[in-house]
Every structure is written in C-alpha cells, then in structure tokens.
Amino acid sequence: MASFQDKKTTIFRLKWVEWIFVNLPFVCYLVLLGVIYISNAHASEKALRKIETLKQDVKDTKWHYMNLQQQLEYGSIQSQIETKVEHLGLVPNQKPPLVISQKEK
C-alpha cells in the first residue's frame, strides 16, 4: 500500500513540475511585468520628490528676488541716497537747476 501511495505522490509531483515547465514563459512574463511595475513606481516617486525639491527652490528664489527688489526700492529713495553719499562730502543741491535754452534764429 505504501508503494501505491509513493507512486501517486510521485506522479502528482511530476505533473506539477511538468506544468511549471510548460508555463515557464508565462511565469517569466509575469515576473517581468512585476519588475517593470515596481521600477515604474520607484521612478514616479523619485520624480515627485524632485518636483517638490524644485518647488521649494522656486519658492526660495522668489523670496530672495522679492527681498532684493524691496531693498533696491528702499535704497533708491532720495533720503537713503543722501545718507549713503554723505561720507563722500556730497550734499544735495539747494538751488533749482538752470534751464539752458537755445535762442531761435
């Protein structure tokens, strides 16, 4: 009776091994699809991280630009210019500018 059971188990195992080898191309195809799927997921996550980094860089650069623009606008006020050139001995002109005109002939 043990020999009949061994033959049955052996036949069952041979059918499974045969089935696996028959369907090996399909199994390889499924494995390839799985690898591509995982690779695609990793690539998209990497792209999302890069986008977030670039968004932060744009935000920082925009802040830096606005800060420089504000400093430039504040620094170009006449009172600020006077204080900047005071150490050079330059003072604002108290007289109005002279208008030079050409006589018509």
C-alpha atoms as a PDB file:
ATOM      1  CA  MET A   1       0.000   0.000   0.000  1.00  0.00           C
ATOM      2  CA  ALA A   2       2.894   2.308   0.694  1.00  0.00           C
ATOM      3  CA  SER A   3       4.243   1.758  -2.783  1.00  0.00           C
ATOM      4  CA  PHE A   4       0.905   2.789  -4.345  1.00  0.00           C
ATOM      5  CA  GLN A   5       0.904   5.996  -2.262  1.00  0.00           C
ATOM      6  CA  ASP A   6       4.512   6.745  -3.278  1.00  0.00           C
ATOM      7  CA  LYS A   7       3.653   6.233  -6.955  1.00  0.00           C
ATOM      8  CA  LYS A   8       0.646   8.530  -6.642  1.00  0.00           C
ATOM      9  CA  THR A   9       2.724  11.262  -4.929  1.00  0.00           C
ATOM     10  CA  THR A  10       5.494  10.889  -7.475  1.00  0.00           C
ATOM     11  CA  ILE A  11       3.043  11.180 -10.373  1.00  0.00           C
ATOM     12  CA  PHE A  12       1.429  14.219  -8.730  1.00  0.00           C
ATOM     13  CA  ARG A  13       4.830  15.885  -8.293  1.00  0.00           C
ATOM     14  CA  LEU A  14       5.796  15.114 -11.888  1.00  0.00           C
ATOM     15  CA  LYS A  15       2.587  16.728 -13.126  1.00  0.00           C
ATOM     16  CA  TRP A  16       3.355  19.872 -11.140  1.00  0.00           C
ATOM     17  CA  VAL A  17       6.930  20.029 -12.405  1.00  0.00           C
ATOM     18  CA  GLU A  18       5.706  19.440 -15.955  1.00  0.00           C
ATOM     19  CA  TRP A  19       3.031  22.123 -15.535  1.00  0.00           C
ATOM     20  CA  ILE A  20       5.627  24.614 -14.243  1.00  0.00           C
ATOM     21  CA  PHE A  21       7.975  23.993 -17.180  1.00  0.00           C
ATOM     22  CA  VAL A  22       5.125  24.201 -19.677  1.00  0.00           C
ATOM     23  CA  ASN A  23       4.017  27.550 -18.264  1.00  0.00           C
ATOM     24  CA  LEU A  24       7.522  28.895 -17.622  1.00  0.00           C
ATOM     25  CA  PRO A  25       7.341  31.548 -20.383  1.00  0.00           C
ATOM     26  CA  PHE A  26       4.119  32.902 -18.886  1.00  0.00           C
ATOM     27  CA  VAL A  27       5.642  32.917 -15.381  1.00  0.00           C
ATOM     28  CA  CYS A  28       8.698  34.764 -16.718  1.00  0.00           C
ATOM     29  CA  TYR A  29       6.359  37.248 -18.420  1.00  0.00           C
ATOM     30  CA  LEU A  30       4.540  37.852 -15.121  1.00  0.00           C
ATOM     31  CA  VAL A  31       7.843  38.319 -13.305  1.00  0.00           C
ATOM     32  CA  LEU A  32       8.969  40.803 -15.955  1.00  0.00           C
ATOM     33  CA  LEU A  33       5.695  42.739 -15.618  1.00  0.00           C
ATOM     34  CA  GLY A  34       6.168  42.824 -11.843  1.00  0.00           C
ATOM     35  CA  VAL A  35       9.706  44.173 -12.173  1.00  0.00           C
ATOM     36  CA  ILE A  36       8.547  46.845 -14.628  1.00  0.00           C
ATOM     37  CA  TYR A  37       5.677  47.810 -12.315  1.00  0.00           C
ATOM     38  CA  ILE A  38       7.996  48.164  -9.313  1.00  0.00           C
ATOM     39  CA  SER A  39      10.527  50.106 -11.379  1.00  0.00           C
ATOM     40  CA  ASN A  40       7.816  52.458 -12.614  1.00  0.00           C
ATOM     41  CA  ALA A  41       6.600  53.071  -9.058  1.00  0.00           C
ATOM     42  CA  HIS A  42      10.131  53.921  -7.895  1.00  0.00           C
ATOM     43  CA  ALA A  43      10.689  56.250 -10.863  1.00  0.00           C
ATOM     44  CA  SER A  44       7.441  58.119 -10.230  1.00  0.00           C
ATOM     45  CA  GLU A  45       8.260  58.546  -6.520  1.00  0.00           C
ATOM     46  CA  LYS A  46      11.697  59.873  -7.448  1.00  0.00           C
ATOM     47  CA  ALA A  47      10.125  62.333  -9.906  1.00  0.00           C
ATOM     48  CA  LEU A  48       7.663  63.520  -7.245  1.00  0.00           C
ATOM     49  CA  ARG A  49      10.487  64.099  -4.771  1.00  0.00           C
ATOM     50  CA  LYS A  50      12.402  66.074  -7.394  1.00  0.00           C
ATOM     51  CA  ILE A  51       9.317  68.176  -8.182  1.00  0.00           C
ATOM     52  CA  GLU A  52       8.846  69.003  -4.502  1.00  0.00           C
ATOM     53  CA  THR A  53      12.518  69.990  -4.216  1.00  0.00           C
ATOM     54  CA  LEU A  54      12.225  72.225  -7.280  1.00  0.00           C
ATOM     55  CA  LYS A  55       9.048  73.823  -5.909  1.00  0.00           C
ATOM     56  CA  GLN A  56      10.900  74.665  -2.709  1.00  0.00           C
ATOM     57  CA  ASP A  57      13.808  76.100  -4.731  1.00  0.00           C
ATOM     58  CA  VAL A  58      11.404  78.264  -6.737  1.00  0.00           C
ATOM     59  CA  LYS A  59       9.785  79.492  -3.533  1.00  0.00           C
ATOM     60  CA  ASP A  60      13.179  80.349  -2.009  1.00  0.00           C
ATOM     61  CA  THR A  61      14.344  82.096  -5.186  1.00  0.00           C
ATOM     62  CA  LYS A  62      11.105  84.085  -5.391  1.00  0.00           C
ATOM     63  CA  TRP A  63      11.529  85.170  -1.769  1.00  0.00           C
ATOM     64  CA  HIS A  64      15.141  86.187  -2.460  1.00  0.00           C
ATOM     65  CA  TYR A  65      14.044  88.179  -5.541  1.00  0.00           C
ATOM     66  CA  MET A  66      11.313  89.997  -3.621  1.00  0.00           C
ATOM     67  CA  ASN A  67      13.751  90.792  -0.810  1.00  0.00           C
ATOM     68  CA  LEU A  68      16.315  92.245  -3.248  1.00  0.00           C
ATOM     69  CA  GLN A  69      13.607  94.222  -5.044  1.00  0.00           C
ATOM     70  CA  GLN A  70      12.426  95.731  -1.760  1.00  0.00           C
ATOM     71  CA  GLN A  71      15.995  96.649  -0.787  1.00  0.00           C
ATOM     72  CA  LEU A  72      16.566  98.242  -4.188  1.00  0.00           C
ATOM     73  CA  GLU A  73      13.370 100.271  -3.987  1.00  0.00           C
ATOM     74  CA  TYR A  74      14.122 101.382  -0.431  1.00  0.00           C
ATOM     75  CA  GLY A  75      17.738 102.190  -1.287  1.00  0.00           C
ATOM     76  CA  SER A  76      16.781 104.392  -4.240  1.00  0.00           C
ATOM     77  CA  ILE A  77      14.803 106.842  -2.084  1.00  0.00           C
ATOM     78  CA  GLN A  78      16.417 110.285  -2.051  1.00  0.00           C
ATOM     79  CA  SER A  79      16.930 110.307   1.720  1.00  0.00           C
ATOM     80  CA  GLN A  80      18.691 106.940   1.582  1.00  0.00           C
ATOM     81  CA  ILE A  81      20.939 108.082  -1.253  1.00  0.00           C
ATOM     82  CA  GLU A  82      21.852 111.199   0.761  1.00  0.00           C
ATOM     83  CA  THR A  83      22.916 109.112   3.741  1.00  0.00           C
ATOM     84  CA  LYS A  84      24.956 106.759   1.527  1.00  0.00           C
ATOM     85  CA  VAL A  85      26.968 109.566  -0.125  1.00  0.00           C
ATOM     86  CA  GLU A  86      27.278 111.730   2.991  1.00  0.00           C
ATOM     87  CA  HIS A  87      30.716 110.297   3.822  1.00  0.00           C
ATOM     88  CA  LEU A  88      31.945 111.393   0.371  1.00  0.00           C
ATOM     89  CA  GLY A  89      31.151 115.004   1.206  1.00  0.00           C
ATOM     90  CA  LEU A  90      28.330 115.263  -1.315  1.00  0.00           C
ATOM     91  CA  VAL A  91      25.312 117.310  -0.299  1.00  0.00           C
ATOM     92  CA  PRO A  92      22.043 117.905  -2.129  1.00  0.00           C
ATOM     93  CA  ASN A  93      21.836 120.977  -4.318  1.00  0.00           C
ATOM     94  CA  GLN A  94      19.809 123.754  -2.650  1.00  0.00           C
ATOM     95  CA  LYS A  95      19.334 125.812  -5.849  1.00  0.00           C
ATOM     96  CA  PRO A  96      16.976 124.729  -8.590  1.00  0.00           C
ATOM     97  CA  PRO A  97      18.651 123.546 -11.778  1.00  0.00           C
ATOM     98  CA  LEU A  98      19.398 126.066 -14.513  1.00  0.00           C
ATOM     99  CA  VAL A  99      17.458 125.694 -17.716  1.00  0.00           C
ATOM    100  CA  ILE A 100      19.572 126.190 -20.822  1.00  0.00           C
ATOM    101  CA  SER A 101      17.634 127.121 -23.894  1.00  0.00           C
ATOM    102  CA  GLN A 102      18.753 127.975 -27.391  1.00  0.00           C
ATOM    103  CA  LYS A 103      17.523 131.167 -28.997  1.00  0.00           C
ATOM    104  CA  GLU A 104      15.638 130.688 -32.196  1.00  0.00           C
ATOM    105  CA  LYS A 105      17.076 132.373 -35.259  1.00  0.00           C
END
